[in-house]
Protein backbone atom coordinates (compact mmCIF):
# COMPACT_ATOMS: atom_id res chain seq x y z
CA MET A 1 85.74 111.19 102.21
CA SER A 2 83.29 108.69 100.52
CA ARG A 3 85.42 108.05 97.67
CA ILE A 4 88.68 107.58 99.85
CA LYS A 5 86.83 105.10 102.30
CA GLU A 6 85.65 103.21 99.26
CA ALA A 7 89.38 103.30 97.93
CA LEU A 8 90.53 101.82 101.27
CA ASP A 9 87.77 99.08 101.59
CA LYS A 10 89.15 98.31 97.98
CA THR A 11 92.69 98.35 99.54
CA ALA A 12 91.21 96.19 102.49
CA GLU A 13 89.40 93.44 99.99
CA LEU A 14 92.75 93.07 97.83
CA ASP A 15 94.75 91.80 101.13
CA THR A 16 97.29 94.90 101.02
CA ASP A 17 98.09 97.37 103.64
CA PHE A 18 98.95 100.39 101.61
CA LEU A 19 96.99 103.14 99.72
CA ALA A 20 98.95 106.17 98.11
CA GLY A 21 98.43 108.84 95.60
CA VAL A 22 96.71 112.12 95.18
CA LEU A 23 94.29 111.87 97.98
CA HIS A 24 94.27 115.78 98.79
CA SER A 25 92.21 116.96 96.15
CA GLY A 26 90.29 116.38 92.70
CA ILE A 27 92.83 116.47 89.84
CA GLY A 28 92.18 119.54 87.50
CA CYS A 29 89.75 121.07 90.36
CA PHE A 30 90.85 124.66 90.65
CA SER A 31 89.95 127.79 92.66
CA GLY A 32 92.07 129.77 90.47
CA ASN A 33 93.86 131.31 93.52
CA PRO A 34 96.58 129.69 95.77
CA ILE A 35 95.19 127.53 98.44
CA THR A 36 93.64 129.16 101.74
CA ASN A 37 93.65 128.48 105.09
CA GLN A 38 90.26 127.40 105.24
CA GLU A 39 90.73 125.10 102.59
CA LYS A 40 93.74 123.56 103.98
CA GLU A 41 91.80 123.07 107.27
CA ILE A 42 89.25 121.15 105.31
CA VAL A 43 91.77 118.97 103.39
CA VAL A 44 93.37 118.27 107.02
CA ASN A 45 90.27 117.23 108.41
CA VAL A 46 89.21 114.83 105.93
CA LEU A 47 92.79 113.49 105.80
CA GLY A 48 92.75 112.66 109.34
CA GLU A 49 89.06 111.07 109.35
CA ALA A 50 90.17 109.08 106.29
CA ALA A 51 93.66 108.11 108.39
CA SER A 52 91.52 107.29 111.28
CA TYR A 53 89.52 104.87 109.36
CA ALA A 54 92.91 103.48 107.57
CA GLN A 55 94.02 102.46 110.85
CA LYS A 56 91.21 100.48 111.55
CA LEU A 57 91.60 98.69 108.49
CA GLY A 58 95.67 98.35 109.21
CA ILE A 59 96.54 100.32 106.19
CA THR A 60 98.96 102.95 105.80
CA MET A 61 98.28 106.01 103.54
CA ALA A 62 100.67 107.99 101.19
CA ILE A 63 99.98 111.47 99.97
CA GLU A 64 101.36 112.38 96.62
CA PRO A 65 101.95 116.08 95.81
CA ILE A 66 101.61 116.88 91.83
CA ASN A 67 102.48 119.76 89.53
CA ARG A 68 100.60 122.66 89.72
CA TYR A 69 98.79 122.11 86.53
CA GLU A 70 96.75 119.54 88.06
CA SER A 71 96.38 120.67 91.32
CA TYR A 72 96.71 123.99 93.83
CA VAL A 73 96.29 122.04 96.78
CA CYS A 74 99.32 120.24 97.32
CA ASN A 75 102.52 120.60 94.97
CA THR A 76 105.40 119.92 96.75
CA ALA A 77 107.13 117.67 99.67
CA GLU A 78 106.64 120.53 101.95
CA ASN A 79 103.50 121.00 101.08
CA ALA A 80 102.40 117.36 101.67
CA LEU A 81 104.50 117.22 104.98
CA GLU A 82 102.42 119.98 106.15
CA LEU A 83 99.33 118.36 105.65
CA ILE A 84 100.75 115.12 107.70
CA ASP A 85 101.74 117.05 110.48
CA LYS A 86 98.89 119.04 111.11
CA THR A 87 96.49 115.68 111.00
CA GLY A 88 99.03 114.01 113.56
CA ALA A 89 98.36 110.63 112.13
CA SER A 90 100.65 108.09 112.42
CA ASN A 91 99.64 106.17 109.74
CA LEU A 92 99.79 109.05 107.03
CA LYS A 93 103.07 109.50 105.02
CA LEU A 94 104.51 110.68 101.88
CA HIS A 95 104.39 109.41 98.15
CA LEU A 96 106.92 111.37 95.60
CA ASP A 97 106.91 111.45 91.90
CA THR A 98 109.69 112.38 89.92
CA PHE A 99 107.91 113.70 87.22
CA HIS A 100 106.17 116.25 89.50
CA MET A 101 109.28 116.71 91.57
CA ASN A 102 111.10 117.87 88.40
CA ILE A 103 108.42 120.53 87.88
CA GLU A 104 108.06 121.59 91.74
CA GLU A 105 110.99 120.69 93.51
CA ALA A 106 114.13 123.24 93.57
CA ASN A 107 116.07 119.81 93.60
CA PHE A 108 115.74 116.11 94.42
CA LYS A 109 118.07 116.00 97.27
CA THR A 110 116.29 118.28 99.89
CA PRO A 111 112.71 117.05 99.95
CA ILE A 112 113.88 113.69 100.43
CA LEU A 113 116.16 114.31 103.29
CA LYS A 114 113.52 116.64 104.67
CA ALA A 115 111.08 113.95 104.37
CA GLY A 116 113.25 111.41 106.00
CA THR A 117 111.15 108.12 107.11
CA GLN A 118 108.24 109.75 106.36
CA LEU A 119 108.48 108.63 102.59
CA LYS A 120 107.08 105.59 101.87
CA HIS A 121 106.64 105.25 98.23
CA ILE A 122 108.22 106.79 95.06
CA HIS A 123 106.67 106.85 91.24
CA ILE A 124 110.32 106.67 89.36
CA THR A 125 109.44 108.57 86.00
CA GLU A 126 111.40 110.39 83.75
CA SER A 127 110.79 114.40 83.16
CA HIS A 128 109.06 113.08 79.72
CA ARG A 129 107.36 109.88 80.93
CA GLY A 130 110.07 108.08 78.60
CA MET A 131 113.15 106.25 78.91
CA LEU A 132 114.66 106.76 82.08
CA GLY A 133 118.10 108.43 81.92
CA GLU A 134 116.84 110.17 78.58
CA GLY A 135 115.29 112.92 80.40
CA THR A 136 116.18 115.98 82.88
CA VAL A 137 115.56 114.01 86.12
CA ASN A 138 118.85 113.92 88.42
CA TRP A 139 119.23 110.20 88.89
CA VAL A 140 122.23 110.27 91.06
CA GLU A 141 121.14 113.19 93.33
CA LEU A 142 118.05 111.15 93.94
CA PHE A 143 119.37 107.83 94.84
CA ALA A 144 122.09 109.36 96.73
CA ALA A 145 119.43 111.25 99.02
CA LEU A 146 117.67 107.94 99.24
CA GLN A 147 120.54 106.47 100.46
CA VAL A 148 121.02 109.05 102.96
CA ILE A 149 117.71 108.28 104.60
CA ASN A 150 118.12 104.75 104.32
CA PHE A 151 114.77 104.59 102.40
CA GLU A 152 113.20 101.12 102.58
CA GLY A 153 109.74 102.45 100.61
CA ASN A 154 108.52 101.20 97.44
CA LEU A 155 109.99 102.38 94.21
CA VAL A 156 107.72 102.02 91.35
CA LEU A 157 108.63 102.63 87.80
CA GLU A 158 105.83 104.51 85.95
CA ASN A 159 106.33 105.61 82.25
CA PHE A 160 104.09 105.91 79.65
CA SER A 161 104.00 104.62 76.31
CA SER A 162 101.76 105.89 73.03
CA SER A 163 101.93 102.45 71.52
CA ILE A 164 99.00 101.54 74.53
CA THR A 165 95.58 102.39 73.11
CA GLY A 166 94.01 105.30 74.65
CA MET A 167 97.74 106.28 76.78
CA GLN A 168 97.66 109.35 74.99
CA GLN A 169 94.41 110.73 75.81
CA ALA A 170 94.44 109.39 79.49
CA VAL A 171 97.67 111.36 80.37
CA SER A 172 97.52 113.94 77.80
CA LEU A 173 100.98 112.24 76.25
CA TRP A 174 100.12 114.56 72.89
CA GLN A 175 103.86 113.30 71.31
CA LYS A 176 104.46 109.77 70.01
CA SER A 177 106.60 107.90 71.87
CA PRO A 178 109.74 106.38 70.68
CA TYR A 179 109.48 103.06 72.41
CA GLN A 180 107.01 100.25 72.39
CA ALA A 181 105.67 99.73 75.87
CA GLU A 182 107.38 96.37 76.61
CA GLU A 183 110.79 97.68 75.38
CA LEU A 184 109.96 100.89 77.60
CA ALA A 185 109.53 99.00 80.84
CA VAL A 186 112.34 96.76 80.57
CA GLU A 187 114.92 99.20 79.87
CA SER A 188 113.64 101.54 82.23
CA LEU A 189 113.14 98.86 85.24
CA ALA A 190 116.91 97.71 84.37
CA PHE A 191 118.03 101.36 84.89
CA MET A 192 116.38 102.00 88.24
CA GLN A 193 117.81 98.60 89.41
CA LYS A 194 121.25 99.80 88.25
CA MET A 195 121.01 103.12 90.43
CA ALA A 196 119.07 101.25 93.46
CA SER A 197 122.06 98.90 93.50
CA SER A 198 124.67 101.30 93.30
CA TYR A 199 123.34 103.23 96.24
CA ASN A 200 121.97 100.49 97.82
CA SER A 201 118.62 101.68 97.83
């Protein structure tokens, strides 16, 4: 809880009102079994306390489900929505990431439609973390779903290039990227803007 409070204090210092990410558990920490009801209760209590603290600072928080190789606590939108619902906190929302969705969700439409207005933040990244449109993410399905829920949150480009020193080690990017970082960012952003414009997202 102290780490989340510290992050919230830093968020307030930066004069912003939103904190999103993997706030439900430690990345790479596993029990060797699925999450238990007792563990889930602990997570809900901590998130509830954090949301209450955030509320006093005028901050909205959003929980990001991540893939099974990084966490066993929260892998899907459904997992996150359950935790959010159990806290009863109005300032606790959902943060999705297309990389993790590509691994854990059956499709890109259902989680978005189920989340509705609870969805406030999306990491836009390809299935291999590279150039948007060159992987297996179903972008048409994703943006069509965002149009249905009239998404008004943040679309944040998140891709990685091995041309950045230390990036391979930081995110387990063991294959050499075919693009330099700037080219990857510029062209991926153009792809994202084109898709968003097509669906008025």
